[in-house]
């Protein structure tokens, strides 16, 4: 899809032919040949990307701990569980993103007093890679469940599997830095932030953590993303668990994100699907529901995969692909 060109410039070497061969029988004089001057090769032009549509898949909450983690480890290093029924679908997209609703590490200890703490075996990294994930949001109320050391360990491990964390970092500045990914000539910027306690998981100047959400920080994050990309996606962890309708606070934050320059807002945390909205021509997906989660039933055992086609700054198409969670295993399959 990219054109390349190069030019070889040839200089005359100052070659001299033998001096005039005078009359018959005259022996020609030897001629000194001057070596060609050293020449710097002509620079190769940077290829201009050819713009074409990019396909994206975004999933809901991915929780690889508890009984899901036990089954994942039992399946062994060569297994695909819990992605065995969805990996082929997800790998079919140019960019695949999910909300990683747990810490993946062997380090740390559970946060005291927190009723639910999720830590997954590092085998989860290769499972995410095998399922085709390129980015994962780590701005949520479970990424810090085992403390900043485990969180920092996860951040350091993910890139080794080709996966970039969004909404978390070793410092405040890193956590709030937009992640830029280019596909087929379109530059995508992703930001992520959490609006669900505990706010003590938030990154500081000296401690690893996630990006905490408020209007001032959101304004700065989206402004930085907008300046660097064609298409801006904001991931927000918000809302109230198991409530099927978004609330006024979610709506206000979503509208503000789009007013500031986001092209798409995608929400997580409620563990159920919430309605969608179009605001100023831009989609707001208030909650995709769960994707991988054990002990979920009824509405919480259903979710959506958001699929998009984008070219430059244009959203060409989008739709929601329903999934169902096997309530015995916590693993998803296409509904």
Protein backbone atom coordinates (compact mmCIF):
# COMPACT_ATOMS: atom_id res chain seq x y z
CA UNK A 1 0.00 0.00 0.00
CA UNK A 2 3.01 2.29 0.16
CA UNK A 3 5.05 3.64 -2.81
CA UNK A 4 8.83 3.90 -2.46
CA UNK A 5 11.32 5.56 -4.84
CA UNK A 6 15.12 5.96 -5.05
CA UNK A 7 17.55 7.57 -7.48
CA UNK A 8 21.14 6.60 -8.19
CA UNK A 9 23.11 9.69 -9.16
CA UNK A 10 26.18 8.93 -11.20
CA UNK A 11 29.02 11.42 -11.46
CA UNK A 12 31.55 11.47 -14.23
CA UNK A 13 34.71 9.94 -12.88
CA UNK A 14 37.07 12.21 -14.71
CA UNK A 15 38.23 9.31 -16.77
CA UNK A 16 40.60 10.40 -19.43
CA UNK A 17 41.25 8.35 -22.51
CA UNK A 18 44.75 7.88 -23.71
CA UNK A 19 46.37 10.92 -25.18
CA UNK A 20 46.18 11.22 -28.90
CA UNK A 21 47.68 8.23 -30.58
CA UNK A 22 49.86 10.12 -32.98
CA UNK A 23 51.37 8.56 -36.02
CA UNK A 24 51.95 4.93 -36.73
CA UNK A 25 54.25 3.16 -34.35
CA UNK A 26 54.03 5.85 -31.65
CA UNK A 27 53.53 4.33 -28.18
CA UNK A 28 50.73 5.99 -26.21
CA UNK A 29 51.62 7.55 -22.87
CA UNK A 30 50.18 6.08 -19.68
CA UNK A 31 47.34 8.20 -18.30
CA UNK A 32 46.61 8.71 -14.56
CA UNK A 33 42.99 7.89 -13.76
CA UNK A 34 41.54 10.12 -11.04
CA UNK A 35 39.28 8.14 -8.62
CA UNK A 36 35.67 9.37 -8.47
CA UNK A 37 34.85 11.69 -5.59
CA UNK A 38 32.99 10.13 -2.68
CA UNK A 39 29.32 11.02 -2.96
CA UNK A 40 26.57 10.94 -0.34
CA UNK A 41 23.71 8.71 -1.53
CA UNK A 42 20.53 10.51 -2.46
CA UNK A 43 18.06 10.40 0.45
CA UNK A 44 15.13 8.02 0.24
CA UNK A 45 11.82 9.85 0.48
CA UNK A 46 9.51 8.95 3.36
CA UNK A 47 6.61 7.03 1.82
CA UNK A 48 3.24 8.71 1.95
CA UNK A 49 0.68 6.37 3.58
CA UNK A 50 -2.22 5.45 1.36
CA UNK A 51 -5.43 6.14 3.25
CA UNK A 52 -7.88 3.29 3.39
CA UNK A 53 -10.58 2.18 5.85
CA UNK A 54 -9.54 0.71 9.20
CA UNK A 55 -11.71 -1.78 11.08
CA UNK A 56 -11.87 -1.74 14.89
CA UNK A 57 -13.41 -4.05 17.50
CA UNK A 58 -13.98 -2.93 21.10
CA UNK A 59 -15.15 -5.31 23.84
CA UNK A 60 -16.62 -4.82 27.29
CA UNK A 61 -15.14 -5.91 30.63
CA UNK A 62 -12.45 -8.63 30.57
CA UNK A 63 -11.89 -10.31 33.95
CA UNK A 64 -9.31 -13.13 33.91
CA UNK A 65 -9.22 -13.92 37.64
CA UNK A 66 -11.31 -16.10 39.99
CA UNK A 67 -12.79 -19.20 38.35
CA UNK A 68 -12.00 -17.88 34.86
CA UNK A 69 -8.35 -17.75 35.84
CA UNK A 70 -8.42 -21.26 37.28
CA UNK A 71 -9.83 -22.65 34.01
CA UNK A 72 -7.38 -20.56 31.97
CA UNK A 73 -4.38 -22.03 33.80
CA UNK A 74 -5.84 -25.55 33.58
CA UNK A 75 -6.13 -25.16 29.79
CA UNK A 76 -2.33 -24.79 29.64
CA UNK A 77 0.03 -22.56 27.71
CA UNK A 78 -1.26 -23.80 24.34
CA UNK A 79 -4.93 -23.26 25.15
CA UNK A 80 -7.13 -20.35 24.10
CA UNK A 81 -9.63 -20.31 26.97
CA UNK A 82 -11.49 -18.00 27.64
CA UNK A 83 -11.16 -16.66 24.08
CA UNK A 84 -11.57 -19.97 22.28
CA UNK A 85 -14.94 -19.00 20.77
CA UNK A 86 -14.17 -15.33 20.03
CA UNK A 87 -10.46 -15.08 19.15
CA UNK A 88 -10.93 -15.73 15.43
CA UNK A 89 -13.57 -13.00 15.26
CA UNK A 90 -11.45 -10.44 17.14
CA UNK A 91 -8.30 -11.17 15.12
CA UNK A 92 -10.21 -10.25 11.98
CA UNK A 93 -10.01 -6.52 12.84
CA UNK A 94 -7.19 -4.08 12.21
CA UNK A 95 -7.34 -2.79 15.79
CA UNK A 96 -8.80 -4.66 18.78
CA UNK A 97 -9.42 -3.02 22.18
CA UNK A 98 -10.90 -4.13 25.51
CA UNK A 99 -11.34 -3.04 29.12
CA UNK A 100 -9.00 -5.17 31.28
CA UNK A 101 -10.98 -5.43 34.51
CA UNK A 102 -8.24 -6.98 36.67
CA UNK A 103 -4.53 -6.77 37.39
CA UNK A 104 -2.37 -9.39 35.66
CA UNK A 105 0.66 -10.13 37.85
CA UNK A 106 2.09 -12.41 40.51
CA UNK A 107 3.09 -9.45 42.67
CA UNK A 108 1.31 -7.46 45.36
CA UNK A 109 -1.25 -8.18 48.06
CA UNK A 110 -5.01 -7.49 48.09
CA UNK A 111 -6.09 -3.97 49.04
CA UNK A 112 -7.41 -4.20 52.64
CA UNK A 113 -11.15 -3.83 53.05
CA UNK A 114 -12.03 -4.04 49.33
CA UNK A 115 -14.80 -6.64 48.89
CA UNK A 116 -13.75 -7.79 45.40
CA UNK A 117 -10.11 -7.95 44.33
CA UNK A 118 -9.11 -9.49 41.00
CA UNK A 119 -5.59 -10.68 40.11
CA UNK A 120 -4.98 -12.93 37.10
CA UNK A 121 -2.11 -15.27 36.29
CA UNK A 122 0.44 -13.84 33.80
CA UNK A 123 -0.74 -16.49 31.36
CA UNK A 124 -3.46 -13.91 30.69
CA UNK A 125 -0.97 -11.83 28.69
CA UNK A 126 -0.48 -14.51 26.05
CA UNK A 127 -4.23 -15.18 25.97
CA UNK A 128 -4.93 -11.51 25.22
CA UNK A 129 -2.24 -11.57 22.56
CA UNK A 130 -3.65 -14.73 20.97
CA UNK A 131 -7.08 -13.09 20.82
CA UNK A 132 -5.62 -10.19 18.85
CA UNK A 133 -5.81 -7.37 21.41
CA UNK A 134 -3.71 -4.31 20.57
CA UNK A 135 -4.87 -1.93 23.33
CA UNK A 136 -6.46 -2.45 26.75
CA UNK A 137 -7.91 0.21 29.01
CA UNK A 138 -6.54 -0.15 32.54
CA UNK A 139 -8.44 2.81 33.99
CA UNK A 140 -10.94 1.00 36.20
CA UNK A 141 -11.69 0.15 39.81
CA UNK A 142 -9.89 -3.22 39.74
CA UNK A 143 -6.55 -2.51 38.07
CA UNK A 144 -5.13 -1.40 41.42
CA UNK A 145 -6.57 -4.27 43.48
CA UNK A 146 -3.11 -5.59 44.40
CA UNK A 147 -1.38 -2.26 44.84
CA UNK A 148 0.88 -0.06 42.70
CA UNK A 149 3.69 -2.63 42.50
CA UNK A 150 1.45 -5.20 40.80
CA UNK A 151 -0.08 -2.51 38.61
CA UNK A 152 3.38 -1.30 37.50
CA UNK A 153 4.40 -4.89 36.81
CA UNK A 154 1.39 -5.32 34.51
CA UNK A 155 2.16 -2.08 32.69
CA UNK A 156 5.70 -3.26 32.08
CA UNK A 157 4.66 -6.71 30.85
CA UNK A 158 1.89 -5.79 28.39
CA UNK A 159 4.08 -4.22 25.65
CA UNK A 160 6.15 -7.42 25.47
CA UNK A 161 2.99 -9.10 24.16
CA UNK A 162 2.26 -6.37 21.64
CA UNK A 163 -0.44 -4.81 23.84
CA UNK A 164 -0.45 -1.15 24.88
CA UNK A 165 -2.17 -0.04 28.11
CA UNK A 166 -4.39 3.05 27.92
CA UNK A 167 -5.28 5.18 30.93
CA UNK A 168 -2.51 4.02 33.23
CA UNK A 169 1.15 4.73 33.77
CA UNK A 170 4.14 4.82 36.09
CA UNK A 171 3.35 8.47 36.83
CA UNK A 172 0.43 10.90 36.56
CA UNK A 173 1.81 12.29 33.31
CA UNK A 174 2.17 8.85 31.73
CA UNK A 175 -1.33 7.79 32.81
CA UNK A 176 -2.87 10.82 31.12
CA UNK A 177 -0.82 10.66 27.92
CA UNK A 178 -2.94 9.74 24.86
CA UNK A 179 -1.96 6.52 23.10
CA UNK A 180 -1.42 7.04 19.37
CA UNK A 181 -1.79 4.17 16.91
CA UNK A 182 -1.65 4.46 13.13
CA UNK A 183 -3.43 2.13 10.77
CA UNK A 184 -3.48 2.58 6.98
CA UNK A 185 -2.84 6.32 7.11
CA UNK A 186 -5.29 7.14 9.95
CA UNK A 187 -3.88 8.21 13.30
CA UNK A 188 -6.03 7.10 16.25
CA UNK A 189 -5.66 8.63 19.71
CA UNK A 190 -7.11 6.84 22.75
CA UNK A 191 -7.56 8.22 26.24
CA UNK A 192 -9.08 6.43 29.23
CA UNK A 193 -10.15 7.50 32.71
CA UNK A 194 -11.98 6.10 35.73
CA UNK A 195 -14.83 7.74 37.64
CA UNK A 196 -15.41 4.84 40.07
CA UNK A 197 -13.82 4.68 43.53
CA UNK A 198 -11.35 4.03 44.99
CA UNK A 199 -9.64 7.18 43.75
CA UNK A 200 -6.51 6.00 45.60
CA UNK A 201 -5.73 3.89 42.52
CA UNK A 202 -5.01 7.11 40.62
CA UNK A 203 -1.45 7.73 39.47
CA UNK A 204 0.58 10.45 41.18
CA UNK A 205 3.85 12.17 40.34
CA UNK A 206 5.74 9.32 42.02
CA UNK A 207 3.35 6.33 42.02
CA UNK A 208 1.98 4.10 39.27
CA UNK A 209 -1.78 4.13 38.82
CA UNK A 210 -4.66 4.88 36.50
CA UNK A 211 -6.07 8.13 35.13
CA UNK A 212 -8.73 9.57 37.42
CA UNK A 213 -11.61 11.35 35.69
CA UNK A 214 -12.67 14.93 36.25
CA UNK A 215 -13.54 17.74 33.87
CA UNK A 216 -10.21 19.53 34.12
CA UNK A 217 -8.17 16.40 33.42
CA UNK A 218 -10.57 15.28 30.70
CA UNK A 219 -10.21 18.63 28.95
CA UNK A 220 -6.41 18.39 28.93
CA UNK A 221 -6.32 14.74 27.86
CA UNK A 222 -8.70 15.15 24.93
CA UNK A 223 -7.01 18.38 23.81
CA UNK A 224 -3.69 16.53 23.62
CA UNK A 225 -5.33 13.65 21.75
CA UNK A 226 -7.11 15.94 19.32
CA UNK A 227 -3.89 17.73 18.42
CA UNK A 228 -2.14 14.45 17.60
CA UNK A 229 -4.70 12.38 15.71
CA UNK A 230 -7.41 12.15 13.08
CA UNK A 231 -9.84 10.17 15.23
CA UNK A 232 -10.13 10.37 19.04
CA UNK A 233 -11.65 7.64 21.23
CA UNK A 234 -12.44 8.26 24.92
CA UNK A 235 -12.86 5.23 27.21
CA UNK A 236 -14.67 6.02 30.46
CA UNK A 237 -15.22 3.79 33.50
CA UNK A 238 -18.38 5.15 35.07
CA UNK A 239 -22.01 4.62 36.06
CA UNK A 240 -23.75 2.31 38.53
CA UNK A 241 -23.43 -1.46 38.48
CA UNK A 242 -26.36 -3.51 37.12
CA UNK A 243 -28.40 -0.39 36.24
CA UNK A 244 -29.73 -0.63 32.68
CA UNK A 245 -29.99 3.13 32.07
CA UNK A 246 -27.19 5.69 32.00
CA UNK A 247 -27.52 8.59 34.42
CA UNK A 248 -27.23 12.36 34.07
CA UNK A 249 -23.61 12.42 35.26
CA UNK A 250 -22.55 9.92 32.61
CA UNK A 251 -24.40 11.90 29.96
CA UNK A 252 -22.84 15.21 31.02
CA UNK A 253 -19.33 13.73 30.91
CA UNK A 254 -19.97 12.10 27.53
CA UNK A 255 -21.30 15.30 26.01
CA UNK A 256 -18.35 17.23 27.42
CA UNK A 257 -15.91 14.73 25.92
CA UNK A 258 -17.43 15.20 22.47
CA UNK A 259 -17.61 18.98 22.87
CA UNK A 260 -13.88 18.89 23.65
CA UNK A 261 -13.07 16.91 20.50
CA UNK A 262 -13.69 13.19 21.03
CA UNK A 263 -15.14 11.35 18.02
CA UNK A 264 -16.40 8.37 20.04
CA UNK A 265 -17.10 7.70 23.74
CA UNK A 266 -17.17 4.11 25.04
CA UNK A 267 -18.20 3.27 28.61
CA UNK A 268 -17.66 0.36 31.00
CA UNK A 269 -18.37 -0.69 34.61
CA UNK A 270 -22.17 -1.20 34.85
CA UNK A 271 -21.76 -4.93 33.90
CA UNK A 272 -24.90 -4.62 31.77
CA UNK A 273 -25.63 -3.11 28.38
CA UNK A 274 -26.85 0.48 28.54
CA UNK A 275 -28.49 2.45 25.70
CA UNK A 276 -26.50 4.32 23.07
CA UNK A 277 -26.83 7.95 22.03
CA UNK A 278 -25.80 10.11 19.08
CA UNK A 279 -24.65 13.55 20.17
CA UNK A 280 -23.52 16.11 17.59
CA UNK A 281 -23.27 13.26 15.11
CA UNK A 282 -20.91 11.25 17.33
CA UNK A 283 -21.79 7.90 19.00
CA UNK A 284 -21.80 7.44 22.77
CA UNK A 285 -21.82 3.80 23.88
CA UNK A 286 -22.67 4.13 27.56
CA UNK A 287 -21.87 0.51 28.43
CA UNK A 288 -20.94 -2.53 26.36
CA UNK A 289 -21.63 -4.82 29.33
CA UNK A 290 -19.40 -7.74 30.19
CA UNK A 291 -17.21 -9.68 27.79
CA UNK A 292 -15.45 -12.19 30.07
CA UNK A 293 -16.72 -12.49 33.64
CA UNK A 294 -17.74 -15.33 35.93
CA UNK A 295 -20.72 -15.39 38.30
CA UNK A 296 -22.83 -13.31 35.93
CA UNK A 297 -26.42 -14.18 35.01
CA UNK A 298 -29.36 -12.71 33.12
CA UNK A 299 -28.65 -9.21 31.79
CA UNK A 300 -25.10 -9.28 33.14
CA UNK A 301 -24.31 -12.40 31.06
CA UNK A 302 -24.94 -10.42 27.87
CA UNK A 303 -22.70 -7.91 26.16
CA UNK A 304 -21.85 -6.23 22.90
CA UNK A 305 -18.73 -5.93 20.78
CA UNK A 306 -18.60 -2.50 19.15
CA UNK A 307 -17.28 -2.68 15.59
CA UNK A 308 -16.26 0.39 13.60
CA UNK A 309 -14.92 1.32 10.20
CA UNK A 310 -12.95 4.57 10.16
CA UNK A 311 -11.03 6.42 7.47
CA UNK A 312 -9.21 9.59 8.42
CA UNK A 313 -11.57 11.67 10.55
CA UNK A 314 -14.68 9.94 9.22
CA UNK A 315 -16.64 7.21 10.94
CA UNK A 316 -17.89 5.24 7.94
CA UNK A 317 -19.91 2.64 9.80
CA UNK A 318 -20.50 1.14 13.23
CA UNK A 319 -22.59 -1.61 14.74
CA UNK A 320 -22.97 -3.70 17.88
CA UNK A 321 -22.33 -7.45 17.72
CA UNK A 322 -24.07 -9.28 20.60
CA UNK A 323 -22.27 -11.84 22.74
CA UNK A 324 -23.48 -14.23 25.42
CA UNK A 325 -21.44 -15.37 28.41
CA UNK A 326 -21.42 -19.05 29.33
CA UNK A 327 -22.57 -18.83 32.95
CA UNK A 328 -20.68 -22.01 33.82
CA UNK A 329 -17.27 -20.84 32.61
CA UNK A 330 -17.49 -17.05 32.28
CA UNK A 331 -16.30 -17.24 28.65
CA UNK A 332 -18.10 -15.45 25.78
CA UNK A 333 -19.48 -16.68 22.49
CA UNK A 334 -21.14 -14.81 19.63
CA UNK A 335 -24.88 -14.76 20.27
